[in-house]
């Protein structure tokens, strides 16, 4: 009886561990979609800026699965041959912010340039931005939107507003590293 109880308990623990370890598709919103037909390669392709709120706090697996869901959703709507999803943590950032994930979906395994390619190719930020970096980015974007001067011209004022040294006023750029390459079929 004790062995049966232990076996059942072990199965419950395994199932709950597997379920919590699975990725989750987060809510996303397409904020900018551009499509084009390339006559030379005869390819219909699309770029989409996709926003996932607070993306920098999510796991890489969740980001990848959410970008895949966005690409598949765009494909169902458009039947484009190549779809590029650029994932951002906020709608405000889509214009200025470096994306945290860049994914290409090629259902026919023909890439952006018309050459054979993997069905899914993704690059993700090597290191997600910290809350401090996100604060700097938000402040940078708000200031840039208000004032047409360059940030360099206003570095001292911006440093005071951020309560950081002037040398720490910079716009973070995130190195994107490969995180997915698969071919379906």
N, C-alpha and C. Protein backbone atom coordinates (compact mmCIF):
# COMPACT_ATOMS: atom_id res chain seq x y z
N UNK A 1 0.83 -1.19 0.00
CA UNK A 1 0.00 0.00 0.00
C UNK A 1 0.88 1.26 0.00
N UNK A 2 1.94 1.21 0.82
CA UNK A 2 2.84 2.36 0.91
C UNK A 2 3.50 2.62 -0.45
N UNK A 3 3.85 1.56 -1.20
CA UNK A 3 4.47 1.70 -2.51
C UNK A 3 3.51 2.33 -3.51
N UNK A 4 2.26 1.95 -3.44
CA UNK A 4 1.25 2.53 -4.35
C UNK A 4 1.10 4.01 -4.06
N UNK A 5 1.05 4.36 -2.77
CA UNK A 5 0.93 5.77 -2.39
C UNK A 5 2.13 6.56 -2.91
N UNK A 6 3.32 6.03 -2.73
CA UNK A 6 4.54 6.70 -3.20
C UNK A 6 4.55 6.83 -4.72
N UNK A 7 4.11 5.78 -5.41
CA UNK A 7 4.07 5.83 -6.87
C UNK A 7 3.09 6.89 -7.36
N UNK A 8 1.91 6.96 -6.73
CA UNK A 8 0.91 7.97 -7.10
C UNK A 8 1.44 9.36 -6.81
N UNK A 9 2.05 9.56 -5.66
CA UNK A 9 2.61 10.86 -5.30
C UNK A 9 3.71 11.26 -6.30
N UNK A 10 4.55 10.31 -6.66
CA UNK A 10 5.61 10.60 -7.63
C UNK A 10 5.02 11.00 -8.98
N UNK A 11 3.98 10.33 -9.42
CA UNK A 11 3.34 10.68 -10.70
C UNK A 11 2.73 12.06 -10.64
N UNK A 12 2.11 12.41 -9.52
CA UNK A 12 1.51 13.75 -9.38
C UNK A 12 2.61 14.80 -9.44
N UNK A 13 3.72 14.57 -8.75
CA UNK A 13 4.84 15.52 -8.79
C UNK A 13 5.41 15.66 -10.19
N UNK A 14 5.56 14.56 -10.90
CA UNK A 14 6.10 14.60 -12.26
C UNK A 14 5.17 15.37 -13.18
N UNK A 15 3.88 15.09 -13.11
CA UNK A 15 2.91 15.78 -13.97
C UNK A 15 2.87 17.26 -13.66
N UNK A 16 2.87 17.63 -12.36
CA UNK A 16 2.83 19.06 -12.04
C UNK A 16 4.11 19.75 -12.43
N UNK A 17 5.25 19.08 -12.31
CA UNK A 17 6.53 19.67 -12.72
C UNK A 17 6.56 19.88 -14.23
N UNK A 18 6.11 18.89 -15.00
CA UNK A 18 6.10 19.01 -16.45
C UNK A 18 5.16 20.12 -16.89
N UNK A 19 4.00 20.22 -16.24
CA UNK A 19 3.03 21.25 -16.63
C UNK A 19 3.55 22.64 -16.33
N UNK A 20 4.21 22.84 -15.18
CA UNK A 20 4.71 24.18 -14.87
C UNK A 20 5.93 24.52 -15.70
N UNK A 21 6.65 23.51 -16.24
CA UNK A 21 7.82 23.76 -17.05
C UNK A 21 7.49 24.08 -18.50
N UNK A 22 6.23 23.90 -18.89
CA UNK A 22 5.85 24.15 -20.27
C UNK A 22 5.76 25.64 -20.54
N UNK A 23 6.06 26.00 -21.76
CA UNK A 23 5.98 27.41 -22.15
C UNK A 23 4.52 27.81 -22.28
N UNK A 24 4.31 29.10 -22.21
CA UNK A 24 2.96 29.63 -22.30
C UNK A 24 2.94 30.76 -23.32
N UNK A 25 1.95 30.73 -24.19
CA UNK A 25 1.78 31.81 -25.14
C UNK A 25 1.14 32.98 -24.41
N UNK A 26 1.81 34.11 -24.44
CA UNK A 26 1.32 35.32 -23.77
C UNK A 26 0.48 36.14 -24.74
N UNK A 27 -0.29 37.04 -24.18
CA UNK A 27 -1.11 37.91 -25.02
C UNK A 27 -0.19 38.83 -25.82
N UNK A 28 -0.48 38.96 -27.12
CA UNK A 28 0.34 39.81 -27.97
C UNK A 28 -0.57 40.68 -28.83
N UNK A 29 0.04 41.75 -29.36
CA UNK A 29 -0.69 42.69 -30.20
C UNK A 29 0.22 43.11 -31.34
N UNK A 30 -0.27 43.03 -32.57
CA UNK A 30 0.48 43.52 -33.73
C UNK A 30 0.23 45.02 -33.84
N UNK A 31 1.29 45.80 -33.78
CA UNK A 31 1.13 47.25 -33.82
C UNK A 31 1.55 47.86 -35.15
N UNK A 32 2.31 47.13 -35.93
CA UNK A 32 2.74 47.66 -37.22
C UNK A 32 3.01 46.47 -38.13
N UNK A 33 2.36 46.46 -39.27
CA UNK A 33 2.54 45.37 -40.22
C UNK A 33 2.82 45.98 -41.58
N UNK A 34 3.91 45.54 -42.20
CA UNK A 34 4.27 45.97 -43.54
C UNK A 34 4.41 44.74 -44.41
N UNK A 35 3.78 44.77 -45.58
CA UNK A 35 3.93 43.62 -46.48
C UNK A 35 4.43 44.12 -47.83
N UNK A 36 5.04 43.20 -48.58
CA UNK A 36 5.55 43.57 -49.89
C UNK A 36 5.61 42.33 -50.77
N UNK A 37 5.45 42.55 -52.04
CA UNK A 37 5.65 41.50 -53.03
C UNK A 37 6.97 41.79 -53.72
N UNK A 38 7.85 40.84 -53.73
CA UNK A 38 9.15 41.02 -54.36
C UNK A 38 9.09 40.34 -55.72
N UNK A 39 9.06 41.13 -56.76
CA UNK A 39 8.90 40.59 -58.11
C UNK A 39 10.08 39.71 -58.52
N UNK A 40 11.28 40.15 -58.17
CA UNK A 40 12.48 39.42 -58.60
C UNK A 40 12.47 37.98 -58.10
N UNK A 41 12.11 37.79 -56.82
CA UNK A 41 12.09 36.45 -56.25
C UNK A 41 10.68 35.87 -56.19
N UNK A 42 9.68 36.66 -56.57
CA UNK A 42 8.29 36.26 -56.55
C UNK A 42 7.87 35.78 -55.15
N UNK A 43 8.25 36.55 -54.15
CA UNK A 43 7.95 36.19 -52.76
C UNK A 43 7.08 37.28 -52.14
N UNK A 44 6.02 36.85 -51.50
CA UNK A 44 5.18 37.75 -50.71
C UNK A 44 5.65 37.64 -49.27
N UNK A 45 6.09 38.75 -48.72
CA UNK A 45 6.65 38.71 -47.38
C UNK A 45 6.13 39.85 -46.52
N UNK A 46 6.27 39.69 -45.22
CA UNK A 46 5.69 40.63 -44.26
C UNK A 46 6.60 40.79 -43.06
N UNK A 47 6.65 42.03 -42.55
CA UNK A 47 7.32 42.33 -41.28
C UNK A 47 6.25 42.82 -40.32
N UNK A 48 6.32 42.37 -39.09
CA UNK A 48 5.34 42.80 -38.10
C UNK A 48 6.03 43.15 -36.79
N UNK A 49 5.67 44.29 -36.23
CA UNK A 49 6.10 44.66 -34.89
C UNK A 49 5.03 44.13 -33.94
N UNK A 50 5.43 43.27 -33.04
CA UNK A 50 4.49 42.64 -32.12
C UNK A 50 4.87 43.04 -30.69
N UNK A 51 3.87 43.43 -29.92
CA UNK A 51 4.09 43.85 -28.55
C UNK A 51 3.59 42.79 -27.59
N UNK A 52 4.44 42.41 -26.66
CA UNK A 52 4.07 41.54 -25.55
C UNK A 52 4.41 42.32 -24.29
N UNK A 53 3.40 42.70 -23.55
CA UNK A 53 3.59 43.53 -22.37
C UNK A 53 4.63 42.92 -21.42
N UNK A 54 5.56 43.77 -21.01
CA UNK A 54 6.62 43.36 -20.08
C UNK A 54 7.39 42.13 -20.57
N UNK A 55 7.66 42.08 -21.86
CA UNK A 55 8.36 40.94 -22.47
C UNK A 55 9.70 40.66 -21.81
N UNK A 56 10.36 41.69 -21.33
CA UNK A 56 11.68 41.50 -20.72
C UNK A 56 11.64 40.68 -19.44
N UNK A 57 10.44 40.49 -18.87
CA UNK A 57 10.30 39.71 -17.64
C UNK A 57 9.94 38.24 -17.90
N UNK A 58 9.64 37.91 -19.15
CA UNK A 58 9.19 36.56 -19.48
C UNK A 58 10.38 35.63 -19.75
N UNK A 59 10.11 34.35 -19.68
CA UNK A 59 11.16 33.38 -20.00
C UNK A 59 11.39 33.38 -21.51
N UNK A 60 12.56 32.95 -21.91
CA UNK A 60 12.87 32.89 -23.34
C UNK A 60 11.93 31.92 -24.05
N UNK A 61 11.58 30.83 -23.39
CA UNK A 61 10.66 29.86 -23.99
C UNK A 61 9.29 30.48 -24.23
N UNK A 62 8.80 31.26 -23.27
CA UNK A 62 7.51 31.93 -23.43
C UNK A 62 7.56 32.93 -24.59
N UNK A 63 8.67 33.66 -24.69
CA UNK A 63 8.82 34.63 -25.78
C UNK A 63 8.83 33.94 -27.14
N UNK A 64 9.56 32.84 -27.24
CA UNK A 64 9.63 32.10 -28.51
C UNK A 64 8.26 31.57 -28.89
N UNK A 65 7.56 30.95 -27.94
CA UNK A 65 6.24 30.40 -28.24
C UNK A 65 5.23 31.49 -28.59
N UNK A 66 5.34 32.64 -27.94
CA UNK A 66 4.43 33.75 -28.25
C UNK A 66 4.73 34.31 -29.64
N UNK A 67 6.00 34.44 -29.99
CA UNK A 67 6.36 34.92 -31.33
C UNK A 67 5.89 33.93 -32.39
N UNK A 68 6.02 32.64 -32.12
CA UNK A 68 5.52 31.62 -33.05
C UNK A 68 4.01 31.76 -33.25
N UNK A 69 3.29 31.95 -32.15
CA UNK A 69 1.83 32.10 -32.23
C UNK A 69 1.47 33.34 -33.06
N UNK A 70 2.21 34.42 -32.87
CA UNK A 70 1.96 35.64 -33.65
C UNK A 70 2.23 35.40 -35.13
N UNK A 71 3.33 34.72 -35.44
CA UNK A 71 3.67 34.44 -36.84
C UNK A 71 2.61 33.55 -37.48
N UNK A 72 2.17 32.53 -36.77
CA UNK A 72 1.14 31.63 -37.31
C UNK A 72 -0.18 32.37 -37.51
N UNK A 73 -0.52 33.26 -36.58
CA UNK A 73 -1.74 34.06 -36.69
C UNK A 73 -1.66 34.97 -37.92
N UNK A 74 -0.52 35.62 -38.11
CA UNK A 74 -0.34 36.49 -39.28
C UNK A 74 -0.37 35.68 -40.57
N UNK A 75 0.19 34.47 -40.54
CA UNK A 75 0.17 33.62 -41.73
C UNK A 75 -1.26 33.22 -42.09
N UNK A 76 -2.04 32.84 -41.08
CA UNK A 76 -3.44 32.44 -41.33
C UNK A 76 -4.22 33.60 -41.97
N UNK A 77 -3.93 34.82 -41.53
CA UNK A 77 -4.64 35.99 -42.05
C UNK A 77 -4.17 36.39 -43.44
N UNK A 78 -2.88 36.24 -43.71
CA UNK A 78 -2.31 36.83 -44.93
C UNK A 78 -1.83 35.82 -45.97
N UNK A 79 -1.48 34.63 -45.55
CA UNK A 79 -0.89 33.61 -46.43
C UNK A 79 0.42 34.09 -47.07
N UNK A 80 1.12 34.97 -46.39
CA UNK A 80 2.43 35.44 -46.86
C UNK A 80 3.41 34.28 -46.84
N UNK A 81 4.42 34.33 -47.68
CA UNK A 81 5.40 33.26 -47.78
C UNK A 81 6.52 33.37 -46.74
N UNK A 82 6.78 34.58 -46.28
CA UNK A 82 7.79 34.80 -45.24
C UNK A 82 7.23 35.85 -44.28
N UNK A 83 7.29 35.54 -43.00
CA UNK A 83 6.80 36.48 -41.99
C UNK A 83 7.90 36.70 -40.96
N UNK A 84 8.23 37.96 -40.72
CA UNK A 84 9.21 38.32 -39.71
C UNK A 84 8.47 39.00 -38.56
N UNK A 85 8.67 38.48 -37.36
CA UNK A 85 8.06 39.04 -36.16
C UNK A 85 9.17 39.66 -35.33
N UNK A 86 9.01 40.94 -35.04
CA UNK A 86 9.95 41.64 -34.16
C UNK A 86 9.18 41.93 -32.87
N UNK A 87 9.64 41.36 -31.76
CA UNK A 87 8.91 41.41 -30.51
C UNK A 87 9.45 42.50 -29.60
N UNK A 88 8.55 43.33 -29.08
CA UNK A 88 8.88 44.46 -28.22
C UNK A 88 8.11 44.37 -26.90
N UNK A 89 8.64 44.98 -25.81
CA UNK A 89 7.95 44.91 -24.52
C UNK A 89 6.86 45.97 -24.33
N UNK A 90 6.70 46.89 -25.26
CA UNK A 90 5.67 47.92 -25.12
C UNK A 90 5.44 48.57 -26.48
N UNK A 91 4.23 49.04 -26.69
CA UNK A 91 3.90 49.70 -27.96
C UNK A 91 4.73 50.97 -28.16
N UNK A 92 5.01 51.68 -27.06
CA UNK A 92 5.81 52.90 -27.15
C UNK A 92 7.22 52.63 -27.65
N UNK A 93 7.72 51.43 -27.37
CA UNK A 93 9.09 51.11 -27.71
C UNK A 93 9.28 50.69 -29.16
N UNK A 94 8.22 50.29 -29.82
CA UNK A 94 8.35 49.69 -31.15
C UNK A 94 9.10 50.57 -32.14
N UNK A 95 9.02 51.89 -31.98
CA UNK A 95 9.70 52.78 -32.92
C UNK A 95 11.18 52.93 -32.60
N UNK A 96 11.53 52.99 -31.31
CA UNK A 96 12.90 53.31 -30.91
C UNK A 96 13.67 52.14 -30.31
N UNK A 97 12.97 51.21 -29.73
CA UNK A 97 13.56 50.16 -28.89
C UNK A 97 14.14 49.03 -29.73
N UNK A 98 15.29 48.51 -29.35
CA UNK A 98 15.77 47.31 -30.04
C UNK A 98 14.89 46.14 -29.61
N UNK A 99 14.47 45.34 -30.56
CA UNK A 99 13.58 44.23 -30.22
C UNK A 99 14.28 43.23 -29.31
N UNK A 100 13.47 42.53 -28.50
CA UNK A 100 14.04 41.50 -27.62
C UNK A 100 14.03 40.15 -28.31
N UNK A 101 13.28 40.03 -29.42
CA UNK A 101 13.26 38.79 -30.18
C UNK A 101 12.95 39.10 -31.63
N UNK A 102 13.64 38.42 -32.53
CA UNK A 102 13.43 38.59 -33.97
C UNK A 102 13.26 37.19 -34.55
N UNK A 103 12.06 36.90 -35.08
CA UNK A 103 11.76 35.56 -35.58
C UNK A 103 11.29 35.61 -37.03
N UNK A 104 11.78 34.67 -37.83
CA UNK A 104 11.33 34.55 -39.21
C UNK A 104 10.64 33.20 -39.37
N UNK A 105 9.44 33.25 -39.97
CA UNK A 105 8.67 32.04 -40.25
C UNK A 105 8.53 31.92 -41.76
N UNK A 106 9.02 30.81 -42.30
CA UNK A 106 8.95 30.53 -43.73
C UNK A 106 8.27 29.17 -43.91
N UNK A 107 6.95 29.16 -44.05
CA UNK A 107 6.24 27.88 -44.11
C UNK A 107 6.74 26.95 -45.22
N UNK A 108 7.21 27.51 -46.33
CA UNK A 108 7.71 26.70 -47.44
C UNK A 108 9.22 26.51 -47.39
N UNK A 109 9.85 26.95 -46.30
CA UNK A 109 11.31 26.87 -46.12
C UNK A 109 12.07 27.61 -47.22
N UNK A 110 11.51 28.72 -47.66
CA UNK A 110 12.18 29.65 -48.59
C UNK A 110 12.33 30.96 -47.83
N UNK A 111 13.55 31.43 -47.67
CA UNK A 111 13.82 32.59 -46.84
C UNK A 111 13.48 33.93 -47.47
N UNK A 112 13.78 34.98 -46.75
CA UNK A 112 13.49 36.36 -47.13
C UNK A 112 14.07 36.68 -48.51
N UNK A 113 15.25 36.13 -48.81
CA UNK A 113 15.94 36.44 -50.07
C UNK A 113 15.62 35.45 -51.19
N UNK A 114 14.69 34.50 -50.95
CA UNK A 114 14.31 33.55 -51.98
C UNK A 114 15.14 32.28 -51.98
N UNK A 115 16.11 32.18 -51.08
CA UNK A 115 16.97 31.01 -50.97
C UNK A 115 16.37 30.01 -49.98
N UNK A 116 16.73 28.72 -50.09
CA UNK A 116 16.25 27.74 -49.10
C UNK A 116 16.66 28.17 -47.69
N UNK A 117 15.75 27.93 -46.74
CA UNK A 117 15.99 28.36 -45.36
C UNK A 117 15.23 27.44 -44.41
N UNK A 118 15.50 27.59 -43.13
CA UNK A 118 14.75 26.85 -42.12
C UNK A 118 13.35 27.44 -42.02
N UNK A 119 12.42 26.63 -41.56
CA UNK A 119 11.04 27.09 -41.40
C UNK A 119 10.98 28.16 -40.31
N UNK A 120 11.64 27.92 -39.21
CA UNK A 120 11.67 28.86 -38.08
C UNK A 120 13.11 29.25 -37.79
N UNK A 121 13.37 30.54 -37.71
CA UNK A 121 14.68 31.04 -37.30
C UNK A 121 14.42 32.18 -36.33
N UNK A 122 15.04 32.13 -35.16
CA UNK A 122 14.82 33.19 -34.18
C UNK A 122 16.12 33.59 -33.50
N UNK A 123 16.18 34.86 -33.17
CA UNK A 123 17.29 35.44 -32.42
C UNK A 123 16.67 36.18 -31.24
N UNK A 124 17.27 36.02 -30.07
CA UNK A 124 16.73 36.62 -28.86
C UNK A 124 17.82 37.41 -28.16
N UNK A 125 17.42 38.40 -27.36
CA UNK A 125 18.40 39.19 -26.61
C UNK A 125 19.22 38.27 -25.72
N UNK A 126 20.53 38.40 -25.85
CA UNK A 126 21.42 37.55 -25.05
C UNK A 126 21.13 37.74 -23.56
N UNK A 127 20.87 38.99 -23.18
CA UNK A 127 20.54 39.32 -21.80
C UNK A 127 19.35 40.28 -21.86
N UNK A 128 18.29 39.92 -21.18
CA UNK A 128 17.12 40.78 -21.15
C UNK A 128 17.43 42.04 -20.35
N UNK A 129 16.81 43.16 -20.71
CA UNK A 129 17.07 44.40 -19.98
C UNK A 129 16.57 44.31 -18.54
N UNK A 130 17.29 44.96 -17.65
CA UNK A 130 16.87 45.01 -16.24
C UNK A 130 15.80 46.09 -16.10
N UNK A 131 15.17 46.14 -14.94
CA UNK A 131 14.17 47.18 -14.68
C UNK A 131 14.81 48.57 -14.77
N UNK A 132 16.06 48.68 -14.31
CA UNK A 132 16.77 49.96 -14.39
C UNK A 132 16.98 50.37 -15.85
N UNK A 133 17.38 49.42 -16.69
CA UNK A 133 17.55 49.72 -18.11
C UNK A 133 16.20 50.08 -18.75
N UNK A 134 15.15 49.39 -18.35
CA UNK A 134 13.82 49.70 -18.88
C UNK A 134 13.41 51.12 -18.48
N UNK A 135 13.72 51.52 -17.25
CA UNK A 135 13.43 52.88 -16.81
C UNK A 135 14.19 53.88 -17.67
N UNK A 136 15.46 53.60 -17.92
CA UNK A 136 16.27 54.50 -18.76
C UNK A 136 15.69 54.59 -20.17
N UNK A 137 15.28 53.46 -20.69
CA UNK A 137 14.72 53.44 -22.04
C UNK A 137 13.42 54.24 -22.09
N UNK A 138 12.54 54.01 -21.10
CA UNK A 138 11.27 54.77 -21.06
C UNK A 138 11.54 56.26 -20.99
N UNK A 139 12.46 56.65 -20.09
CA UNK A 139 12.78 58.08 -19.93
C UNK A 139 13.37 58.62 -21.22
N UNK A 140 14.27 57.89 -21.83
CA UNK A 140 14.90 58.29 -23.09
C UNK A 140 13.83 58.53 -24.15
N UNK A 141 12.93 57.60 -24.31
CA UNK A 141 11.90 57.69 -25.34
C UNK A 141 10.96 58.87 -25.08
N UNK A 142 10.53 59.02 -23.82
CA UNK A 142 9.63 60.14 -23.49
C UNK A 142 10.31 61.48 -23.75
N UNK A 143 11.56 61.59 -23.34
CA UNK A 143 12.30 62.84 -23.56
C UNK A 143 12.51 63.10 -25.06
N UNK A 144 12.84 62.07 -25.79
CA UNK A 144 13.08 62.22 -27.22
C UNK A 144 11.80 62.65 -27.93
N UNK A 145 10.66 62.11 -27.49
CA UNK A 145 9.39 62.47 -28.10
C UNK A 145 9.02 63.93 -27.80
N UNK A 146 9.34 64.39 -26.59
CA UNK A 146 9.01 65.77 -26.20
C UNK A 146 9.91 66.80 -26.85
N UNK A 147 11.18 66.46 -26.96
CA UNK A 147 12.18 67.42 -27.42
C UNK A 147 12.86 66.87 -28.66
N UNK A 148 12.93 67.69 -29.65
CA UNK A 148 13.54 67.23 -30.90
C UNK A 148 15.07 67.31 -30.87
N UNK A 149 15.62 67.83 -29.77
CA UNK A 149 17.07 67.82 -29.62
C UNK A 149 17.53 66.38 -29.44
N UNK A 150 18.77 66.16 -29.73
CA UNK A 150 19.28 64.81 -29.50
C UNK A 150 19.52 64.63 -28.00
N UNK A 151 19.52 63.41 -27.57
CA UNK A 151 19.76 63.11 -26.16
C UNK A 151 21.16 63.56 -25.75
N UNK A 152 22.11 63.46 -26.65
CA UNK A 152 23.48 63.88 -26.32
C UNK A 152 23.48 65.34 -25.89
N UNK A 153 22.70 66.18 -26.57
CA UNK A 153 22.62 67.59 -26.21
C UNK A 153 22.01 67.80 -24.83
N UNK A 154 21.25 66.85 -24.35
CA UNK A 154 20.51 67.01 -23.11
C UNK A 154 20.95 66.00 -22.05
N UNK A 155 22.12 65.45 -22.19
CA UNK A 155 22.60 64.38 -21.33
C UNK A 155 22.59 64.75 -19.84
N UNK A 156 23.04 65.94 -19.50
CA UNK A 156 23.10 66.38 -18.10
C UNK A 156 21.69 66.47 -17.50
N UNK A 157 20.76 67.10 -18.24
CA UNK A 157 19.39 67.23 -17.75
C UNK A 157 18.74 65.86 -17.57
N UNK A 158 18.98 64.99 -18.52
CA UNK A 158 18.41 63.66 -18.46
C UNK A 158 18.99 62.86 -17.30
N UNK A 159 20.29 63.02 -17.05
CA UNK A 159 20.93 62.32 -15.93
C UNK A 159 20.32 62.77 -14.60
N UNK A 160 20.04 64.06 -14.47
CA UNK A 160 19.40 64.56 -13.24
C UNK A 160 18.00 63.96 -13.09
N UNK A 161 17.26 63.92 -14.18
CA UNK A 161 15.91 63.36 -14.14
C UNK A 161 15.94 61.88 -13.77
N UNK A 162 16.93 61.15 -14.27
CA UNK A 162 17.04 59.72 -13.99
C UNK A 162 17.74 59.45 -12.67
N UNK A 163 18.36 60.50 -12.10
CA UNK A 163 19.11 60.37 -10.85
C UNK A 163 20.27 59.38 -11.01
N UNK A 164 21.01 59.58 -12.10
CA UNK A 164 22.18 58.74 -12.38
C UNK A 164 23.28 59.65 -12.90
N UNK A 165 24.54 59.17 -12.90
CA UNK A 165 25.63 59.97 -13.47
C UNK A 165 25.43 60.17 -14.97
N UNK A 166 25.89 61.30 -15.48
CA UNK A 166 25.72 61.61 -16.91
C UNK A 166 26.35 60.55 -17.80
N UNK A 167 27.45 59.95 -17.36
CA UNK A 167 28.10 58.91 -18.16
C UNK A 167 27.25 57.65 -18.29
N UNK A 168 26.27 57.50 -17.39
CA UNK A 168 25.38 56.33 -17.45
C UNK A 168 24.15 56.56 -18.33
N UNK A 169 24.06 57.72 -18.95
CA UNK A 169 22.94 57.99 -19.85
C UNK A 169 23.31 57.44 -21.22
N UNK A 170 22.68 56.35 -21.56
CA UNK A 170 22.91 55.72 -22.86
C UNK A 170 21.67 54.93 -23.21
N UNK A 171 21.56 54.60 -24.45
CA UNK A 171 20.45 53.79 -24.91
C UNK A 171 20.96 52.37 -25.06
N UNK A 172 20.45 51.45 -24.23
CA UNK A 172 20.96 50.07 -24.30
C UNK A 172 20.67 49.42 -25.65
N UNK A 173 21.63 48.72 -26.15
CA UNK A 173 21.46 47.92 -27.36
C UNK A 173 21.67 46.47 -26.95
N UNK A 174 20.76 45.61 -27.36
CA UNK A 174 20.83 44.23 -26.93
C UNK A 174 21.37 43.35 -28.04
N UNK A 175 22.38 42.59 -27.71
CA UNK A 175 22.95 41.65 -28.67
C UNK A 175 21.97 40.49 -28.85
N UNK A 176 21.56 40.25 -30.09
CA UNK A 176 20.67 39.14 -30.38
C UNK A 176 21.49 37.91 -30.73
N UNK A 177 21.14 36.80 -30.11
CA UNK A 177 21.84 35.53 -30.34
C UNK A 177 20.85 34.49 -30.85
N UNK A 178 21.33 33.52 -31.65
CA UNK A 178 20.42 32.50 -32.16
C UNK A 178 19.78 31.70 -31.02
N UNK A 179 18.48 31.43 -31.16
CA UNK A 179 17.80 30.64 -30.13
C UNK A 179 16.91 29.56 -30.72
N UNK A 180 16.66 29.62 -32.04
CA UNK A 180 15.79 28.62 -32.65
C UNK A 180 16.12 28.51 -34.13
N UNK A 181 16.22 27.29 -34.60
CA UNK A 181 16.37 27.04 -36.02
C UNK A 181 15.79 25.65 -36.26
N UNK A 182 14.61 25.59 -36.84
CA UNK A 182 14.00 24.30 -37.14
C UNK A 182 13.33 24.31 -38.50
N UNK A 183 13.34 23.15 -39.08
CA UNK A 183 12.67 22.97 -40.37
C UNK A 183 11.58 21.94 -40.19
N UNK A 184 10.35 22.32 -40.50
CA UNK A 184 9.22 21.40 -40.41
C UNK A 184 9.09 20.62 -41.70
N UNK A 185 8.68 19.38 -41.57
CA UNK A 185 8.41 18.57 -42.76
C UNK A 185 9.62 17.90 -43.19
